[in-house]
N, C-alpha and C. Protein backbone atom coordinates (compact mmCIF):
# COMPACT_ATOMS: atom_id res chain seq x y z
N VAL A 1 -32.65 -65.31 -45.18
CA VAL A 1 -33.24 -65.34 -43.85
C VAL A 1 -34.76 -65.28 -43.95
N ARG A 2 -35.26 -64.40 -44.81
CA ARG A 2 -36.72 -64.26 -44.91
C ARG A 2 -37.37 -65.57 -45.33
N ALA A 3 -36.72 -66.29 -46.25
CA ALA A 3 -37.30 -67.55 -46.73
C ALA A 3 -37.26 -68.63 -45.66
N GLN A 4 -36.32 -68.57 -44.74
CA GLN A 4 -36.15 -69.61 -43.72
C GLN A 4 -36.84 -69.30 -42.40
N ALA A 5 -37.21 -68.06 -42.16
CA ALA A 5 -37.78 -67.68 -40.87
C ALA A 5 -39.19 -68.25 -40.71
N PRO A 6 -39.48 -68.81 -39.53
CA PRO A 6 -40.81 -69.38 -39.31
C PRO A 6 -41.87 -68.32 -39.00
N VAL A 7 -41.48 -67.06 -38.92
CA VAL A 7 -42.41 -65.97 -38.64
C VAL A 7 -42.32 -64.94 -39.76
N ARG A 8 -43.29 -64.05 -39.78
CA ARG A 8 -43.30 -62.95 -40.76
C ARG A 8 -42.00 -62.17 -40.61
N THR A 9 -41.37 -61.87 -41.73
CA THR A 9 -40.07 -61.20 -41.70
C THR A 9 -40.10 -59.97 -42.60
N VAL A 10 -39.60 -58.84 -42.07
CA VAL A 10 -39.51 -57.61 -42.85
C VAL A 10 -38.08 -57.10 -42.78
N TRP A 11 -37.71 -56.30 -43.75
CA TRP A 11 -36.34 -55.81 -43.88
C TRP A 11 -36.35 -54.29 -43.96
N ALA A 12 -35.37 -53.68 -43.34
CA ALA A 12 -35.21 -52.22 -43.41
C ALA A 12 -33.72 -51.90 -43.52
N ALA A 13 -33.42 -50.84 -44.24
CA ALA A 13 -32.04 -50.37 -44.37
C ALA A 13 -32.07 -48.86 -44.50
N PRO A 14 -31.03 -48.19 -44.02
CA PRO A 14 -31.03 -46.73 -44.04
C PRO A 14 -30.82 -46.14 -45.43
N HIS A 15 -31.37 -44.96 -45.59
CA HIS A 15 -31.07 -44.12 -46.74
C HIS A 15 -30.01 -43.15 -46.25
N PRO A 16 -29.14 -42.65 -47.14
CA PRO A 16 -28.05 -41.77 -46.69
C PRO A 16 -28.51 -40.56 -45.85
N TRP A 17 -29.63 -39.96 -46.20
CA TRP A 17 -30.06 -38.77 -45.45
C TRP A 17 -30.47 -39.08 -44.03
N GLU A 18 -30.73 -40.34 -43.71
CA GLU A 18 -31.18 -40.70 -42.37
C GLU A 18 -30.09 -40.60 -41.32
N GLN A 19 -28.84 -40.44 -41.74
CA GLN A 19 -27.77 -40.23 -40.79
C GLN A 19 -27.91 -38.89 -40.09
N TYR A 20 -28.64 -37.98 -40.72
CA TYR A 20 -28.70 -36.60 -40.23
C TYR A 20 -30.05 -36.23 -39.63
N ARG A 21 -31.04 -37.10 -39.68
CA ARG A 21 -32.37 -36.84 -39.13
C ARG A 21 -32.55 -37.66 -37.87
N PRO A 22 -32.64 -37.02 -36.72
CA PRO A 22 -32.83 -37.77 -35.47
C PRO A 22 -34.06 -38.67 -35.52
N LEU A 23 -33.85 -39.92 -35.18
CA LEU A 23 -34.88 -40.96 -35.09
C LEU A 23 -35.51 -41.33 -36.44
N ALA A 24 -34.94 -40.85 -37.55
CA ALA A 24 -35.48 -41.23 -38.87
C ALA A 24 -35.33 -42.73 -39.11
N GLY A 25 -34.24 -43.30 -38.66
CA GLY A 25 -34.03 -44.74 -38.82
C GLY A 25 -35.03 -45.55 -38.02
N LEU A 26 -35.34 -45.10 -36.82
CA LEU A 26 -36.33 -45.79 -36.00
C LEU A 26 -37.69 -45.72 -36.69
N SER A 27 -38.01 -44.56 -37.23
CA SER A 27 -39.27 -44.41 -37.97
C SER A 27 -39.33 -45.38 -39.15
N LEU A 28 -38.24 -45.45 -39.89
CA LEU A 28 -38.18 -46.35 -41.05
C LEU A 28 -38.38 -47.80 -40.62
N ALA A 29 -37.67 -48.21 -39.58
CA ALA A 29 -37.76 -49.60 -39.12
C ALA A 29 -39.17 -49.94 -38.63
N LEU A 30 -39.77 -49.04 -37.87
CA LEU A 30 -41.13 -49.29 -37.37
C LEU A 30 -42.14 -49.33 -38.51
N ASN A 31 -41.97 -48.44 -39.46
CA ASN A 31 -42.88 -48.41 -40.60
C ASN A 31 -42.78 -49.69 -41.43
N ALA A 32 -41.59 -50.27 -41.50
CA ALA A 32 -41.38 -51.50 -42.28
C ALA A 32 -42.20 -52.66 -41.75
N THR A 33 -42.57 -52.62 -40.46
CA THR A 33 -43.33 -53.72 -39.88
C THR A 33 -44.77 -53.78 -40.41
N GLY A 34 -45.28 -52.64 -40.88
CA GLY A 34 -46.65 -52.61 -41.38
C GLY A 34 -47.70 -52.58 -40.30
N ASP A 35 -47.31 -52.48 -39.05
CA ASP A 35 -48.24 -52.43 -37.92
C ASP A 35 -48.76 -51.00 -37.79
N HIS A 36 -50.08 -50.81 -37.96
CA HIS A 36 -50.62 -49.45 -37.95
C HIS A 36 -50.45 -48.76 -36.60
N HIS A 37 -50.43 -49.51 -35.50
CA HIS A 37 -50.19 -48.90 -34.19
C HIS A 37 -48.78 -48.30 -34.13
N LEU A 38 -47.83 -49.01 -34.71
CA LEU A 38 -46.46 -48.49 -34.72
C LEU A 38 -46.34 -47.32 -35.68
N SER A 39 -47.08 -47.36 -36.78
CA SER A 39 -47.06 -46.25 -37.72
C SER A 39 -47.61 -44.98 -37.07
N GLU A 40 -48.65 -45.13 -36.25
CA GLU A 40 -49.20 -43.98 -35.52
C GLU A 40 -48.18 -43.44 -34.51
N PHE A 41 -47.41 -44.34 -33.90
CA PHE A 41 -46.39 -43.95 -32.93
C PHE A 41 -45.31 -43.09 -33.59
N ILE A 42 -45.02 -43.36 -34.85
CA ILE A 42 -43.98 -42.65 -35.58
C ILE A 42 -44.24 -41.14 -35.60
N GLY A 43 -45.49 -40.74 -35.65
CA GLY A 43 -45.82 -39.31 -35.66
C GLY A 43 -45.25 -38.55 -34.49
N GLY A 44 -45.04 -39.22 -33.38
CA GLY A 44 -44.50 -38.57 -32.19
C GLY A 44 -42.98 -38.49 -32.17
N LEU A 45 -42.35 -38.92 -33.25
CA LEU A 45 -40.89 -38.93 -33.28
C LEU A 45 -40.30 -37.69 -33.96
N ALA A 46 -41.08 -36.66 -34.10
CA ALA A 46 -40.64 -35.48 -34.84
C ALA A 46 -39.86 -34.49 -33.97
N LEU A 47 -39.21 -34.97 -32.95
CA LEU A 47 -38.39 -34.08 -32.12
C LEU A 47 -37.24 -33.55 -32.97
N SER A 48 -36.97 -32.25 -32.85
CA SER A 48 -35.93 -31.66 -33.69
C SER A 48 -34.55 -32.23 -33.36
N GLU A 49 -34.17 -32.25 -32.12
CA GLU A 49 -32.88 -32.80 -31.70
C GLU A 49 -33.05 -33.32 -30.27
N PRO A 50 -33.53 -34.56 -30.12
CA PRO A 50 -33.80 -35.07 -28.77
C PRO A 50 -32.51 -35.26 -27.96
N THR A 51 -32.66 -35.13 -26.68
CA THR A 51 -31.55 -35.42 -25.78
C THR A 51 -31.45 -36.94 -25.62
N VAL A 52 -30.43 -37.39 -24.94
CA VAL A 52 -30.29 -38.82 -24.66
C VAL A 52 -31.49 -39.31 -23.85
N ASP A 53 -31.88 -38.53 -22.83
CA ASP A 53 -33.03 -38.92 -22.00
C ASP A 53 -34.31 -38.99 -22.82
N GLU A 54 -34.52 -38.04 -23.73
CA GLU A 54 -35.72 -38.06 -24.58
C GLU A 54 -35.69 -39.25 -25.53
N THR A 55 -34.52 -39.59 -26.03
CA THR A 55 -34.40 -40.75 -26.93
C THR A 55 -34.73 -42.03 -26.18
N LEU A 56 -34.21 -42.17 -24.97
CA LEU A 56 -34.51 -43.36 -24.17
C LEU A 56 -35.98 -43.40 -23.78
N ALA A 57 -36.59 -42.24 -23.54
CA ALA A 57 -38.02 -42.19 -23.23
C ALA A 57 -38.84 -42.67 -24.42
N VAL A 58 -38.42 -42.33 -25.62
CA VAL A 58 -39.10 -42.82 -26.83
C VAL A 58 -39.01 -44.34 -26.89
N ALA A 59 -37.83 -44.89 -26.60
CA ALA A 59 -37.67 -46.34 -26.61
C ALA A 59 -38.54 -47.02 -25.56
N VAL A 60 -38.63 -46.43 -24.38
CA VAL A 60 -39.49 -46.97 -23.31
C VAL A 60 -40.95 -46.92 -23.75
N ASP A 61 -41.39 -45.79 -24.32
CA ASP A 61 -42.77 -45.66 -24.80
C ASP A 61 -43.07 -46.70 -25.88
N LEU A 62 -42.10 -46.96 -26.73
CA LEU A 62 -42.28 -47.96 -27.77
C LEU A 62 -42.45 -49.35 -27.16
N LEU A 63 -41.67 -49.67 -26.15
CA LEU A 63 -41.83 -50.96 -25.47
C LEU A 63 -43.21 -51.09 -24.85
N VAL A 64 -43.69 -50.04 -24.22
CA VAL A 64 -45.03 -50.05 -23.63
C VAL A 64 -46.06 -50.33 -24.72
N LEU A 65 -45.94 -49.67 -25.85
CA LEU A 65 -46.87 -49.88 -26.96
C LEU A 65 -46.78 -51.31 -27.48
N LEU A 66 -45.57 -51.82 -27.66
CA LEU A 66 -45.40 -53.18 -28.16
C LEU A 66 -46.01 -54.22 -27.22
N ARG A 67 -46.01 -53.94 -25.93
CA ARG A 67 -46.54 -54.89 -24.95
C ARG A 67 -48.03 -54.66 -24.65
N SER A 68 -48.62 -53.64 -25.28
CA SER A 68 -50.00 -53.26 -24.95
C SER A 68 -51.06 -54.19 -25.54
N GLY A 69 -50.70 -55.03 -26.44
CA GLY A 69 -51.69 -55.92 -27.02
C GLY A 69 -51.03 -56.97 -27.88
N PRO A 70 -51.82 -57.94 -28.30
CA PRO A 70 -51.23 -59.00 -29.14
C PRO A 70 -50.79 -58.45 -30.50
N ARG A 71 -49.67 -58.93 -30.96
CA ARG A 71 -49.13 -58.53 -32.25
C ARG A 71 -48.71 -59.77 -33.01
N GLU A 72 -48.73 -59.66 -34.31
CA GLU A 72 -48.23 -60.76 -35.14
C GLU A 72 -46.73 -60.89 -34.91
N GLU A 73 -46.27 -62.12 -34.70
CA GLU A 73 -44.83 -62.34 -34.54
C GLU A 73 -44.12 -61.83 -35.79
N THR A 74 -43.17 -60.94 -35.59
CA THR A 74 -42.46 -60.32 -36.71
C THR A 74 -40.97 -60.29 -36.42
N LEU A 75 -40.20 -60.70 -37.41
CA LEU A 75 -38.75 -60.59 -37.35
C LEU A 75 -38.36 -59.37 -38.16
N LEU A 76 -37.74 -58.40 -37.53
CA LEU A 76 -37.31 -57.17 -38.18
C LEU A 76 -35.82 -57.26 -38.43
N LEU A 77 -35.44 -57.36 -39.70
CA LEU A 77 -34.04 -57.40 -40.10
C LEU A 77 -33.62 -55.99 -40.48
N ILE A 78 -32.63 -55.45 -39.80
CA ILE A 78 -32.16 -54.10 -40.08
C ILE A 78 -30.73 -54.17 -40.58
N ASP A 79 -30.55 -53.84 -41.84
CA ASP A 79 -29.23 -53.87 -42.46
C ASP A 79 -28.54 -52.52 -42.25
N ASP A 80 -27.24 -52.54 -42.04
CA ASP A 80 -26.45 -51.32 -41.86
C ASP A 80 -27.01 -50.41 -40.77
N ALA A 81 -27.39 -51.01 -39.66
CA ALA A 81 -27.98 -50.23 -38.56
C ALA A 81 -27.03 -49.15 -38.05
N ASP A 82 -25.73 -49.37 -38.22
CA ASP A 82 -24.76 -48.37 -37.77
C ASP A 82 -24.68 -47.16 -38.70
N GLN A 83 -25.45 -47.18 -39.78
CA GLN A 83 -25.51 -46.03 -40.68
C GLN A 83 -26.68 -45.10 -40.34
N PHE A 84 -27.50 -45.49 -39.36
CA PHE A 84 -28.57 -44.62 -38.89
C PHE A 84 -27.99 -43.51 -38.00
N ASP A 85 -28.81 -42.53 -37.72
CA ASP A 85 -28.40 -41.44 -36.83
C ASP A 85 -28.13 -41.99 -35.42
N GLN A 86 -27.40 -41.22 -34.63
CA GLN A 86 -27.00 -41.68 -33.30
C GLN A 86 -28.19 -41.92 -32.37
N HIS A 87 -29.27 -41.18 -32.55
CA HIS A 87 -30.46 -41.36 -31.70
C HIS A 87 -31.13 -42.70 -32.00
N THR A 88 -31.23 -43.03 -33.27
CA THR A 88 -31.79 -44.33 -33.65
C THR A 88 -30.91 -45.45 -33.13
N GLN A 89 -29.60 -45.30 -33.27
CA GLN A 89 -28.68 -46.33 -32.77
C GLN A 89 -28.85 -46.54 -31.27
N LEU A 90 -29.00 -45.45 -30.53
CA LEU A 90 -29.21 -45.56 -29.08
C LEU A 90 -30.53 -46.27 -28.78
N ALA A 91 -31.59 -45.89 -29.48
CA ALA A 91 -32.90 -46.52 -29.26
C ALA A 91 -32.85 -48.01 -29.60
N LEU A 92 -32.22 -48.37 -30.70
CA LEU A 92 -32.12 -49.79 -31.09
C LEU A 92 -31.29 -50.57 -30.08
N THR A 93 -30.22 -49.97 -29.59
CA THR A 93 -29.39 -50.63 -28.58
C THR A 93 -30.20 -50.88 -27.31
N TYR A 94 -30.99 -49.89 -26.90
CA TYR A 94 -31.84 -50.04 -25.72
C TYR A 94 -32.87 -51.15 -25.93
N LEU A 95 -33.48 -51.16 -27.11
CA LEU A 95 -34.54 -52.13 -27.38
C LEU A 95 -34.02 -53.55 -27.53
N ALA A 96 -32.79 -53.71 -27.97
CA ALA A 96 -32.25 -55.02 -28.35
C ALA A 96 -32.47 -56.11 -27.32
N GLY A 97 -32.26 -55.84 -26.07
CA GLY A 97 -32.41 -56.87 -25.06
C GLY A 97 -33.73 -56.84 -24.32
N ARG A 98 -34.68 -56.06 -24.81
CA ARG A 98 -35.92 -55.86 -24.05
C ARG A 98 -37.18 -56.19 -24.83
N LEU A 99 -37.07 -56.92 -25.92
CA LEU A 99 -38.23 -57.17 -26.78
C LEU A 99 -39.02 -58.42 -26.43
N ALA A 100 -38.66 -59.10 -25.35
CA ALA A 100 -39.42 -60.28 -24.94
C ALA A 100 -40.88 -59.90 -24.73
N ASN A 101 -41.78 -60.77 -25.14
CA ASN A 101 -43.23 -60.59 -24.99
C ASN A 101 -43.78 -59.39 -25.77
N THR A 102 -43.11 -59.00 -26.84
CA THR A 102 -43.61 -57.89 -27.65
C THR A 102 -44.09 -58.35 -29.02
N GLY A 103 -43.74 -59.56 -29.42
CA GLY A 103 -44.08 -60.03 -30.75
C GLY A 103 -43.05 -59.62 -31.80
N LEU A 104 -42.09 -58.80 -31.39
CA LEU A 104 -41.09 -58.30 -32.33
C LEU A 104 -39.73 -58.90 -31.99
N ARG A 105 -39.09 -59.42 -33.01
CA ARG A 105 -37.71 -59.88 -32.89
C ARG A 105 -36.88 -59.01 -33.81
N MET A 106 -35.65 -58.74 -33.44
CA MET A 106 -34.85 -57.80 -34.23
C MET A 106 -33.45 -58.36 -34.43
N VAL A 107 -32.97 -58.23 -35.66
CA VAL A 107 -31.60 -58.58 -36.00
C VAL A 107 -30.98 -57.37 -36.66
N LEU A 108 -29.84 -56.93 -36.13
CA LEU A 108 -29.14 -55.76 -36.65
C LEU A 108 -27.86 -56.21 -37.33
N ALA A 109 -27.65 -55.74 -38.54
CA ALA A 109 -26.38 -55.98 -39.22
C ALA A 109 -25.58 -54.68 -39.14
N VAL A 110 -24.36 -54.78 -38.61
CA VAL A 110 -23.49 -53.61 -38.46
C VAL A 110 -22.07 -53.99 -38.85
N ARG A 111 -21.27 -52.97 -39.13
CA ARG A 111 -19.86 -53.20 -39.42
C ARG A 111 -19.17 -53.64 -38.13
N PRO A 112 -18.12 -54.45 -38.23
CA PRO A 112 -17.45 -54.96 -37.02
C PRO A 112 -17.03 -53.87 -36.05
N GLU A 113 -16.53 -52.75 -36.54
CA GLU A 113 -16.07 -51.70 -35.63
C GLU A 113 -17.22 -51.09 -34.82
N SER A 114 -18.44 -51.19 -35.31
CA SER A 114 -19.59 -50.64 -34.58
C SER A 114 -19.96 -51.45 -33.35
N THR A 115 -19.51 -52.70 -33.30
CA THR A 115 -19.81 -53.51 -32.13
C THR A 115 -19.01 -53.06 -30.92
N PHE A 116 -18.02 -52.19 -31.15
CA PHE A 116 -17.22 -51.67 -30.04
C PHE A 116 -17.65 -50.27 -29.64
N THR A 117 -18.62 -49.70 -30.37
CA THR A 117 -19.05 -48.33 -30.07
C THR A 117 -20.54 -48.32 -29.79
N ALA A 118 -21.32 -47.89 -30.77
CA ALA A 118 -22.76 -47.69 -30.57
C ALA A 118 -23.49 -48.95 -30.11
N PHE A 119 -23.06 -50.10 -30.58
CA PHE A 119 -23.79 -51.33 -30.28
C PHE A 119 -23.05 -52.24 -29.30
N ALA A 120 -22.15 -51.66 -28.55
CA ALA A 120 -21.41 -52.43 -27.54
C ALA A 120 -22.39 -53.00 -26.53
N GLY A 121 -22.16 -54.20 -26.13
CA GLY A 121 -23.02 -54.82 -25.12
C GLY A 121 -24.14 -55.66 -25.70
N ILE A 122 -24.41 -55.52 -26.99
CA ILE A 122 -25.44 -56.35 -27.62
C ILE A 122 -24.79 -57.65 -28.05
N ARG A 123 -25.46 -58.74 -27.80
CA ARG A 123 -24.95 -60.04 -28.22
C ARG A 123 -24.74 -60.01 -29.73
N SER A 124 -23.58 -60.43 -30.18
CA SER A 124 -23.29 -60.34 -31.61
C SER A 124 -22.64 -61.61 -32.12
N VAL A 125 -22.75 -61.78 -33.42
CA VAL A 125 -22.15 -62.90 -34.14
C VAL A 125 -21.40 -62.31 -35.32
N TRP A 126 -20.16 -62.69 -35.49
CA TRP A 126 -19.36 -62.20 -36.61
C TRP A 126 -19.66 -63.05 -37.84
N MET A 127 -19.99 -62.40 -38.93
CA MET A 127 -20.23 -63.09 -40.20
C MET A 127 -19.25 -62.53 -41.22
N SER A 128 -18.43 -63.39 -41.75
CA SER A 128 -17.45 -62.94 -42.72
C SER A 128 -18.08 -62.80 -44.11
N ARG A 129 -17.35 -62.15 -44.98
CA ARG A 129 -17.80 -62.00 -46.37
C ARG A 129 -17.81 -63.36 -47.04
N LEU A 130 -18.65 -63.48 -48.06
CA LEU A 130 -18.69 -64.72 -48.83
C LEU A 130 -17.44 -64.82 -49.70
N ASP A 131 -16.96 -66.04 -49.87
CA ASP A 131 -15.86 -66.21 -50.83
C ASP A 131 -16.45 -66.24 -52.24
N ARG A 132 -15.60 -66.35 -53.24
CA ARG A 132 -16.05 -66.28 -54.64
C ARG A 132 -17.10 -67.34 -54.97
N ALA A 133 -16.86 -68.58 -54.54
CA ALA A 133 -17.80 -69.66 -54.83
C ALA A 133 -19.15 -69.43 -54.14
N GLN A 134 -19.11 -69.00 -52.89
CA GLN A 134 -20.35 -68.73 -52.17
C GLN A 134 -21.12 -67.56 -52.80
N SER A 135 -20.38 -66.53 -53.22
CA SER A 135 -21.01 -65.39 -53.89
C SER A 135 -21.72 -65.83 -55.16
N MET A 136 -21.06 -66.65 -55.94
CA MET A 136 -21.66 -67.14 -57.19
C MET A 136 -22.88 -68.02 -56.91
N GLU A 137 -22.80 -68.83 -55.87
CA GLU A 137 -23.93 -69.68 -55.51
C GLU A 137 -25.15 -68.84 -55.15
N LEU A 138 -24.93 -67.79 -54.36
CA LEU A 138 -26.01 -66.88 -54.00
C LEU A 138 -26.56 -66.19 -55.24
N ALA A 139 -25.67 -65.68 -56.08
CA ALA A 139 -26.10 -64.97 -57.29
C ALA A 139 -26.91 -65.88 -58.21
N ARG A 140 -26.46 -67.12 -58.37
CA ARG A 140 -27.21 -68.07 -59.22
C ARG A 140 -28.58 -68.39 -58.63
N ALA A 141 -28.67 -68.44 -57.31
CA ALA A 141 -29.95 -68.72 -56.67
C ALA A 141 -30.93 -67.58 -56.90
N ILE A 142 -30.42 -66.35 -56.93
CA ILE A 142 -31.29 -65.19 -57.13
C ILE A 142 -31.64 -65.00 -58.60
N ALA A 143 -30.67 -65.21 -59.47
CA ALA A 143 -30.87 -64.98 -60.91
C ALA A 143 -30.39 -66.20 -61.69
N PRO A 144 -31.15 -67.31 -61.65
CA PRO A 144 -30.67 -68.55 -62.26
C PRO A 144 -30.49 -68.47 -63.78
N ASP A 145 -31.18 -67.57 -64.43
CA ASP A 145 -31.08 -67.49 -65.89
C ASP A 145 -30.07 -66.46 -66.38
N ALA A 146 -29.40 -65.79 -65.45
CA ALA A 146 -28.44 -64.75 -65.83
C ALA A 146 -27.16 -65.36 -66.37
N ASP A 147 -26.49 -64.60 -67.21
CA ASP A 147 -25.22 -64.99 -67.80
C ASP A 147 -24.16 -65.14 -66.69
N ALA A 148 -23.38 -66.23 -66.73
CA ALA A 148 -22.39 -66.51 -65.70
C ALA A 148 -21.33 -65.40 -65.61
N GLN A 149 -20.92 -64.85 -66.74
CA GLN A 149 -19.91 -63.79 -66.72
C GLN A 149 -20.46 -62.52 -66.05
N THR A 150 -21.72 -62.22 -66.32
CA THR A 150 -22.36 -61.06 -65.69
C THR A 150 -22.44 -61.27 -64.18
N LEU A 151 -22.87 -62.47 -63.77
CA LEU A 151 -22.94 -62.77 -62.34
C LEU A 151 -21.56 -62.66 -61.69
N SER A 152 -20.54 -63.12 -62.37
CA SER A 152 -19.18 -63.05 -61.85
C SER A 152 -18.75 -61.60 -61.64
N MET A 153 -19.06 -60.74 -62.60
CA MET A 153 -18.71 -59.33 -62.49
C MET A 153 -19.44 -58.68 -61.31
N ILE A 154 -20.71 -59.02 -61.16
CA ILE A 154 -21.50 -58.46 -60.06
C ILE A 154 -20.93 -58.92 -58.72
N CYS A 155 -20.62 -60.21 -58.62
CA CYS A 155 -20.06 -60.74 -57.37
C CYS A 155 -18.73 -60.07 -57.03
N ASP A 156 -17.89 -59.87 -58.03
CA ASP A 156 -16.61 -59.20 -57.79
C ASP A 156 -16.83 -57.77 -57.30
N ALA A 157 -17.76 -57.08 -57.94
CA ALA A 157 -18.02 -55.68 -57.57
C ALA A 157 -18.61 -55.58 -56.16
N CYS A 158 -19.35 -56.59 -55.74
CA CYS A 158 -20.00 -56.56 -54.42
C CYS A 158 -19.08 -57.03 -53.29
N GLY A 159 -17.91 -57.54 -53.63
CA GLY A 159 -16.92 -57.87 -52.62
C GLY A 159 -17.34 -58.90 -51.58
N GLY A 160 -18.21 -59.83 -51.95
CA GLY A 160 -18.61 -60.88 -51.01
C GLY A 160 -19.66 -60.48 -50.00
N LEU A 161 -20.27 -59.30 -50.18
CA LEU A 161 -21.31 -58.85 -49.26
C LEU A 161 -22.67 -59.35 -49.75
N PRO A 162 -23.29 -60.27 -49.01
CA PRO A 162 -24.55 -60.86 -49.47
C PRO A 162 -25.65 -59.83 -49.73
N GLY A 163 -25.75 -58.82 -48.89
CA GLY A 163 -26.78 -57.79 -49.08
C GLY A 163 -26.59 -57.03 -50.37
N MET A 164 -25.35 -56.73 -50.69
CA MET A 164 -25.08 -56.02 -51.94
C MET A 164 -25.39 -56.89 -53.15
N ILE A 165 -25.03 -58.15 -53.08
CA ILE A 165 -25.32 -59.07 -54.18
C ILE A 165 -26.83 -59.17 -54.38
N THR A 166 -27.54 -59.35 -53.28
CA THR A 166 -29.00 -59.47 -53.35
C THR A 166 -29.65 -58.21 -53.90
N SER A 167 -29.28 -57.05 -53.38
CA SER A 167 -29.92 -55.82 -53.84
C SER A 167 -29.53 -55.49 -55.27
N THR A 168 -28.31 -55.78 -55.67
CA THR A 168 -27.88 -55.51 -57.04
C THR A 168 -28.66 -56.37 -58.02
N LEU A 169 -28.81 -57.64 -57.69
CA LEU A 169 -29.53 -58.54 -58.59
C LEU A 169 -31.04 -58.34 -58.54
N SER A 170 -31.52 -57.76 -57.47
CA SER A 170 -32.96 -57.49 -57.39
C SER A 170 -33.32 -56.36 -58.32
C-alpha cells in the first residue's frame, strides 16, 4: 500500500502493553504521522482512565486541531487496531467518518469479529488471507535473494497474513 499510495503514507501497529494504557494507541498513531502539532497534542492524552465522554472530547479536540491549518496529505495505516485499548478504539471509530478536510486519511486493519463490536458502523472491506502462491509471491518481492525453502517456511508460519510475512522478512 505504501508503495502504491499517491500521498505520504505511515504505518502504526500496537505493542502488547498498549491494550492496558488508555489512549496509548491513539498516541502511537498520531506520533507515527510525524506532525509536530499532533505530537504536542499527545501530551494532553495522559488521562489516567478517561470516561467515554472524555474520550470523545479528545477525538473532537483532535478534529479541531486537524482542521486548524494546512497539513501534508497523509495516509495513516493502522494494523491490528482492535488490539488497542478500548478508549483508542472508541476515538478511532469516532474519527473514521469525520476526517474530511483534515489532510489525514486512515485505514484500520482489524479481525473480522471486531467489525461487529468496537468498529461496528465503519465502512469495511473483507480481505482474506493469502493462499500459498500469493504468500510466496509477496515473500519473493520482499526478499528476492532469499532461499526458496526458507521463504516457504516463513510463509507457512505466517499463515497467509501479509503483515506477518512483511514484518518477519523485514
